Amino acid sequence: MKRFVFAILAVAVVACSPPQNTSGAEALVRDIYATVEEHIGRTTTPLEAIPMTDDLASLVSRAQAAAAARNEPFIEGDIAANCQDCTSLEGLEVGPQVSPEPVPAAEGHVLVEARFTLNGNEPRAVLYDLVETPQGWRVDNILTEGFNLRTEAQSYLDDAAEPAEEIPAP
């Protein structure tokens, strides 16, 4: 009986706890898109304009270094705008994810979705996995249809670490 009462009290405390304030997370995503709008049609949004967690920044930096060593780009295109050679971004909406298949947030993480239209007729949605740090909200991953920044970076590093096939001497 004590366990049952404790379980009920625990559920009540969780249910009465205020939800995590995500206004700062949403503001961070809006700031990212202010930078996107400064660059769109001319250059890609610099990765440095996306405040990342130390872990994600390290992963992306290592993937970029591996790409540079192979004399190739790590990512072609604009991660924040989810495009290559895009010319305009309109109708930005930032808020909770409304994707048909919601992605669950890890404990301590908040998911914020940016929805917009590219080039006048291409709807896009980009999902930001954010965590609150002592430095403020930081991006811990970026997900779009068919793209996961963490997975891409790790795959690139794994591919770069594989030994090159030896070509037999003639």
C-alpha atoms as a PDB file:
ATOM      1  CA  MET A   1       0.000   0.000   0.000  1.00  0.00           C
ATOM      2  CA  LYS A   2       2.877   2.387   0.784  1.00  0.00           C
ATOM      3  CA  ARG A   3       4.320   1.814  -2.686  1.00  0.00           C
ATOM      4  CA  PHE A   4       0.972   2.593  -4.273  1.00  0.00           C
ATOM      5  CA  VAL A   5       0.634   5.855  -2.329  1.00  0.00           C
ATOM      6  CA  PHE A   6       4.227   6.795  -3.161  1.00  0.00           C
ATOM      7  CA  ALA A   7       3.625   6.066  -6.858  1.00  0.00           C
ATOM      8  CA  ILE A   8       0.501   8.254  -6.864  1.00  0.00           C
ATOM      9  CA  LEU A   9       2.404  11.078  -5.146  1.00  0.00           C
ATOM     10  CA  ALA A  10       5.280  10.780  -7.632  1.00  0.00           C
ATOM     11  CA  VAL A  11       2.896  10.993 -10.570  1.00  0.00           C
ATOM     12  CA  ALA A  12       1.177  14.010  -9.009  1.00  0.00           C
ATOM     13  CA  VAL A  13       4.493  15.817  -8.511  1.00  0.00           C
ATOM     14  CA  VAL A  14       5.544  15.179 -12.097  1.00  0.00           C
ATOM     15  CA  ALA A  15       2.135  16.236 -13.420  1.00  0.00           C
ATOM     16  CA  CYS A  16       2.205  19.425 -11.360  1.00  0.00           C
ATOM     17  CA  SER A  17       5.771  20.330 -12.274  1.00  0.00           C
ATOM     18  CA  PRO A  18       5.886  23.243 -14.680  1.00  0.00           C
ATOM     19  CA  PRO A  19       6.941  22.296 -18.201  1.00  0.00           C
ATOM     20  CA  GLN A  20      10.446  23.285 -19.230  1.00  0.00           C
ATOM     21  CA  ASN A  21      10.486  26.844 -20.560  1.00  0.00           C
ATOM     22  CA  THR A  22      11.365  26.520 -24.229  1.00  0.00           C
ATOM     23  CA  SER A  23      11.113  30.182 -25.192  1.00  0.00           C
ATOM     24  CA  GLY A  24      14.909  30.513 -25.010  1.00  0.00           C
ATOM     25  CA  ALA A  25      15.320  27.441 -27.209  1.00  0.00           C
ATOM     26  CA  GLU A  26      12.905  28.832 -29.773  1.00  0.00           C
ATOM     27  CA  ALA A  27      14.676  32.211 -29.656  1.00  0.00           C
ATOM     28  CA  LEU A  28      17.988  30.475 -30.407  1.00  0.00           C
ATOM     29  CA  VAL A  29      16.485  28.802 -33.486  1.00  0.00           C
ATOM     30  CA  ARG A  30      15.053  32.150 -34.648  1.00  0.00           C
ATOM     31  CA  ASP A  31      18.535  33.671 -34.248  1.00  0.00           C
ATOM     32  CA  ILE A  32      19.983  30.894 -36.410  1.00  0.00           C
ATOM     33  CA  TYR A  33      17.478  31.724 -39.137  1.00  0.00           C
ATOM     34  CA  ALA A  34      18.288  35.429 -38.941  1.00  0.00           C
ATOM     35  CA  THR A  35      21.799  34.380 -39.946  1.00  0.00           C
ATOM     36  CA  VAL A  36      20.432  32.039 -42.632  1.00  0.00           C
ATOM     37  CA  GLU A  37      18.511  34.945 -44.150  1.00  0.00           C
ATOM     38  CA  GLU A  38      21.703  37.057 -44.219  1.00  0.00           C
ATOM     39  CA  HIS A  39      23.474  34.360 -46.266  1.00  0.00           C
ATOM     40  CA  ILE A  40      20.766  32.744 -48.378  1.00  0.00           C
ATOM     41  CA  GLY A  41      21.282  33.093 -52.087  1.00  0.00           C
ATOM     42  CA  ARG A  42      24.952  33.989 -51.638  1.00  0.00           C
ATOM     43  CA  THR A  43      26.676  31.491 -49.343  1.00  0.00           C
ATOM     44  CA  THR A  44      25.771  28.713 -46.941  1.00  0.00           C
ATOM     45  CA  THR A  45      25.125  29.505 -43.311  1.00  0.00           C
ATOM     46  CA  PRO A  46      28.467  29.167 -41.493  1.00  0.00           C
ATOM     47  CA  LEU A  47      28.470  26.273 -39.041  1.00  0.00           C
ATOM     48  CA  GLU A  48      29.988  28.664 -36.511  1.00  0.00           C
ATOM     49  CA  ALA A  49      26.654  30.549 -36.560  1.00  0.00           C
ATOM     50  CA  ILE A  50      24.952  27.490 -35.064  1.00  0.00           C
ATOM     51  CA  PRO A  51      25.699  27.388 -31.322  1.00  0.00           C
ATOM     52  CA  MET A  52      26.424  23.693 -30.738  1.00  0.00           C
ATOM     53  CA  THR A  53      27.061  21.673 -27.617  1.00  0.00           C
ATOM     54  CA  ASP A  54      30.747  20.976 -27.054  1.00  0.00           C
ATOM     55  CA  ASP A  55      30.164  17.324 -27.960  1.00  0.00           C
ATOM     56  CA  LEU A  56      28.446  18.075 -31.284  1.00  0.00           C
ATOM     57  CA  ALA A  57      30.926  20.832 -32.159  1.00  0.00           C
ATOM     58  CA  SER A  58      33.809  18.412 -31.560  1.00  0.00           C
ATOM     59  CA  LEU A  59      32.172  15.697 -33.668  1.00  0.00           C
ATOM     60  CA  VAL A  60      31.486  18.090 -36.558  1.00  0.00           C
ATOM     61  CA  SER A  61      34.975  19.603 -36.318  1.00  0.00           C
ATOM     62  CA  ARG A  62      36.583  16.165 -36.505  1.00  0.00           C
ATOM     63  CA  ALA A  63      34.410  15.254 -39.512  1.00  0.00           C
ATOM     64  CA  GLN A  64      35.383  18.523 -41.225  1.00  0.00           C
ATOM     65  CA  ALA A  65      39.075  17.822 -40.571  1.00  0.00           C
ATOM     66  CA  ALA A  66      38.716  14.309 -42.004  1.00  0.00           C
ATOM     67  CA  ALA A  67      36.990  15.766 -45.059  1.00  0.00           C
ATOM     68  CA  ALA A  68      39.717  18.376 -45.514  1.00  0.00           C
ATOM     69  CA  ALA A  69      42.362  15.637 -45.329  1.00  0.00           C
ATOM     70  CA  ARG A  70      40.515  13.837 -48.131  1.00  0.00           C
ATOM     71  CA  ASN A  71      40.195  17.110 -50.066  1.00  0.00           C
ATOM     72  CA  GLU A  72      36.412  16.943 -50.103  1.00  0.00           C
ATOM     73  CA  PRO A  73      33.548  18.718 -48.350  1.00  0.00           C
ATOM     74  CA  PHE A  74      32.034  17.196 -45.230  1.00  0.00           C
ATOM     75  CA  ILE A  75      28.576  18.573 -46.034  1.00  0.00           C
ATOM     76  CA  GLU A  76      27.533  20.163 -49.278  1.00  0.00           C
ATOM     77  CA  GLY A  77      24.795  22.689 -48.761  1.00  0.00           C
ATOM     78  CA  ASP A  78      23.229  24.662 -45.966  1.00  0.00           C
ATOM     79  CA  ILE A  79      22.450  22.568 -42.887  1.00  0.00           C
ATOM     80  CA  ALA A  80      20.083  25.106 -41.333  1.00  0.00           C
ATOM     81  CA  ALA A  81      18.161  25.767 -44.554  1.00  0.00           C
ATOM     82  CA  ASN A  82      18.247  22.095 -45.595  1.00  0.00           C
ATOM     83  CA  CYS A  83      19.178  22.951 -49.166  1.00  0.00           C
ATOM     84  CA  GLN A  84      21.819  23.363 -51.806  1.00  0.00           C
ATOM     85  CA  ASP A  85      21.869  26.471 -53.959  1.00  0.00           C
ATOM     86  CA  CYS A  86      18.754  27.923 -52.324  1.00  0.00           C
ATOM     87  CA  THR A  87      17.794  31.478 -53.171  1.00  0.00           C
ATOM     88  CA  SER A  88      15.061  32.458 -50.715  1.00  0.00           C
ATOM     89  CA  LEU A  89      13.462  31.449 -47.437  1.00  0.00           C
ATOM     90  CA  GLU A  90       9.940  32.568 -46.542  1.00  0.00           C
ATOM     91  CA  GLY A  91       7.247  31.922 -43.953  1.00  0.00           C
ATOM     92  CA  LEU A  92       9.498  30.897 -41.071  1.00  0.00           C
ATOM     93  CA  GLU A  93       7.603  29.339 -38.166  1.00  0.00           C
ATOM     94  CA  VAL A  94       9.452  28.137 -35.073  1.00  0.00           C
ATOM     95  CA  GLY A  95       7.828  26.064 -32.348  1.00  0.00           C
ATOM     96  CA  PRO A  96       7.147  22.563 -31.094  1.00  0.00           C
ATOM     97  CA  GLN A  97       7.490  19.795 -33.646  1.00  0.00           C
ATOM     98  CA  VAL A  98       4.414  19.123 -35.718  1.00  0.00           C
ATOM     99  CA  SER A  99       5.921  16.419 -37.896  1.00  0.00           C
ATOM    100  CA  PRO A 100       3.625  13.534 -38.807  1.00  0.00           C
ATOM    101  CA  GLU A 101       5.995  11.152 -37.014  1.00  0.00           C
ATOM    102  CA  PRO A 102       7.174  12.961 -33.867  1.00  0.00           C
ATOM    103  CA  VAL A 103      10.697  12.305 -32.692  1.00  0.00           C
ATOM    104  CA  PRO A 104      10.870  11.749 -28.930  1.00  0.00           C
ATOM    105  CA  ALA A 105      13.153  14.111 -27.014  1.00  0.00           C
ATOM    106  CA  ALA A 106      15.835  12.586 -24.822  1.00  0.00           C
ATOM    107  CA  GLU A 107      15.676  13.456 -21.139  1.00  0.00           C
ATOM    108  CA  GLY A 108      16.875  17.029 -20.630  1.00  0.00           C
ATOM    109  CA  HIS A 109      16.530  17.833 -24.334  1.00  0.00           C
ATOM    110  CA  VAL A 110      13.970  19.988 -26.117  1.00  0.00           C
ATOM    111  CA  LEU A 111      12.999  19.586 -29.757  1.00  0.00           C
ATOM    112  CA  VAL A 112      12.180  22.736 -31.709  1.00  0.00           C
ATOM    113  CA  GLU A 113      11.008  22.622 -35.293  1.00  0.00           C
ATOM    114  CA  ALA A 114      11.631  25.322 -37.894  1.00  0.00           C
ATOM    115  CA  ARG A 115       9.181  25.237 -40.802  1.00  0.00           C
ATOM    116  CA  PHE A 116       9.584  27.404 -43.893  1.00  0.00           C
ATOM    117  CA  THR A 117       9.360  27.548 -47.661  1.00  0.00           C
ATOM    118  CA  LEU A 118      12.453  27.605 -49.868  1.00  0.00           C
ATOM    119  CA  ASN A 119      12.663  29.201 -53.282  1.00  0.00           C
ATOM    120  CA  GLY A 120       8.980  30.117 -53.162  1.00  0.00           C
ATOM    121  CA  ASN A 121       7.572  26.599 -53.388  1.00  0.00           C
ATOM    122  CA  GLU A 122       9.610  24.011 -51.456  1.00  0.00           C
ATOM    123  CA  PRO A 123       8.261  23.361 -47.932  1.00  0.00           C
ATOM    124  CA  ARG A 124      10.917  22.325 -45.424  1.00  0.00           C
ATOM    125  CA  ALA A 125      11.084  21.369 -41.771  1.00  0.00           C
ATOM    126  CA  VAL A 126      14.256  21.196 -39.698  1.00  0.00           C
ATOM    127  CA  LEU A 127      14.209  19.742 -36.204  1.00  0.00           C
ATOM    128  CA  TYR A 128      16.669  21.054 -33.641  1.00  0.00           C
ATOM    129  CA  ASP A 129      17.595  18.901 -30.642  1.00  0.00           C
ATOM    130  CA  LEU A 130      18.560  21.442 -27.974  1.00  0.00           C
ATOM    131  CA  VAL A 131      19.931  21.317 -24.438  1.00  0.00           C
ATOM    132  CA  GLU A 132      20.222  24.093 -21.919  1.00  0.00           C
ATOM    133  CA  THR A 133      23.816  24.629 -20.787  1.00  0.00           C
ATOM    134  CA  PRO A 134      25.435  27.209 -18.509  1.00  0.00           C
ATOM    135  CA  GLN A 135      26.195  29.149 -21.721  1.00  0.00           C
ATOM    136  CA  GLY A 136      22.520  29.056 -22.757  1.00  0.00           C
ATOM    137  CA  TRP A 137      20.658  26.822 -25.188  1.00  0.00           C
ATOM    138  CA  ARG A 138      22.848  24.811 -27.549  1.00  0.00           C
ATOM    139  CA  VAL A 139      22.130  22.612 -30.557  1.00  0.00           C
ATOM    140  CA  ASP A 140      22.919  18.951 -29.858  1.00  0.00           C
ATOM    141  CA  ASN A 141      21.701  17.630 -33.210  1.00  0.00           C
ATOM    142  CA  ILE A 142      19.962  18.745 -36.389  1.00  0.00           C
ATOM    143  CA  LEU A 143      17.483  16.441 -38.100  1.00  0.00           C
ATOM    144  CA  THR A 144      15.624  16.746 -41.371  1.00  0.00           C
ATOM    145  CA  GLU A 145      13.994  14.216 -43.607  1.00  0.00           C
ATOM    146  CA  GLY A 146      16.727  11.693 -44.318  1.00  0.00           C
ATOM    147  CA  PHE A 147      19.452  13.652 -42.467  1.00  0.00           C
ATOM    148  CA  ASN A 148      20.816  13.430 -38.948  1.00  0.00           C
ATOM    149  CA  LEU A 149      23.891  15.607 -38.338  1.00  0.00           C
ATOM    150  CA  ARG A 150      25.308  13.370 -35.601  1.00  0.00           C
ATOM    151  CA  THR A 151      24.874  10.223 -37.694  1.00  0.00           C
ATOM    152  CA  GLU A 152      26.357  11.877 -40.794  1.00  0.00           C
ATOM    153  CA  ALA A 153      29.401  13.134 -38.901  1.00  0.00           C
ATOM    154  CA  GLN A 154      30.012   9.789 -37.194  1.00  0.00           C
ATOM    155  CA  SER A 155      29.559   7.880 -40.466  1.00  0.00           C
ATOM    156  CA  TYR A 156      32.011  10.195 -42.175  1.00  0.00           C
ATOM    157  CA  LEU A 157      34.562   9.618 -39.420  1.00  0.00           C
ATOM    158  CA  ASP A 158      34.005   5.865 -39.548  1.00  0.00           C
ATOM    159  CA  ASP A 159      34.467   5.853 -43.337  1.00  0.00           C
ATOM    160  CA  ALA A 160      37.589   8.005 -43.079  1.00  0.00           C
ATOM    161  CA  ALA A 161      39.070   5.644 -40.478  1.00  0.00           C
ATOM    162  CA  GLU A 162      38.717   2.565 -42.674  1.00  0.00           C
ATOM    163  CA  PRO A 163      42.026   1.643 -44.329  1.00  0.00           C
ATOM    164  CA  ALA A 164      42.128   2.345 -48.015  1.00  0.00           C
ATOM    165  CA  GLU A 165      42.073  -0.693 -50.232  1.00  0.00           C
ATOM    166  CA  GLU A 166      45.527  -1.471 -51.433  1.00  0.00           C
ATOM    167  CA  ILE A 167      45.987  -1.390 -55.168  1.00  0.00           C
ATOM    168  CA  PRO A 168      48.278  -4.180 -56.322  1.00  0.00           C
ATOM    169  CA  ALA A 169      51.468  -3.111 -58.055  1.00  0.00           C
ATOM    170  CA  PRO A 170      51.509  -3.746 -61.824  1.00  0.00           C
END
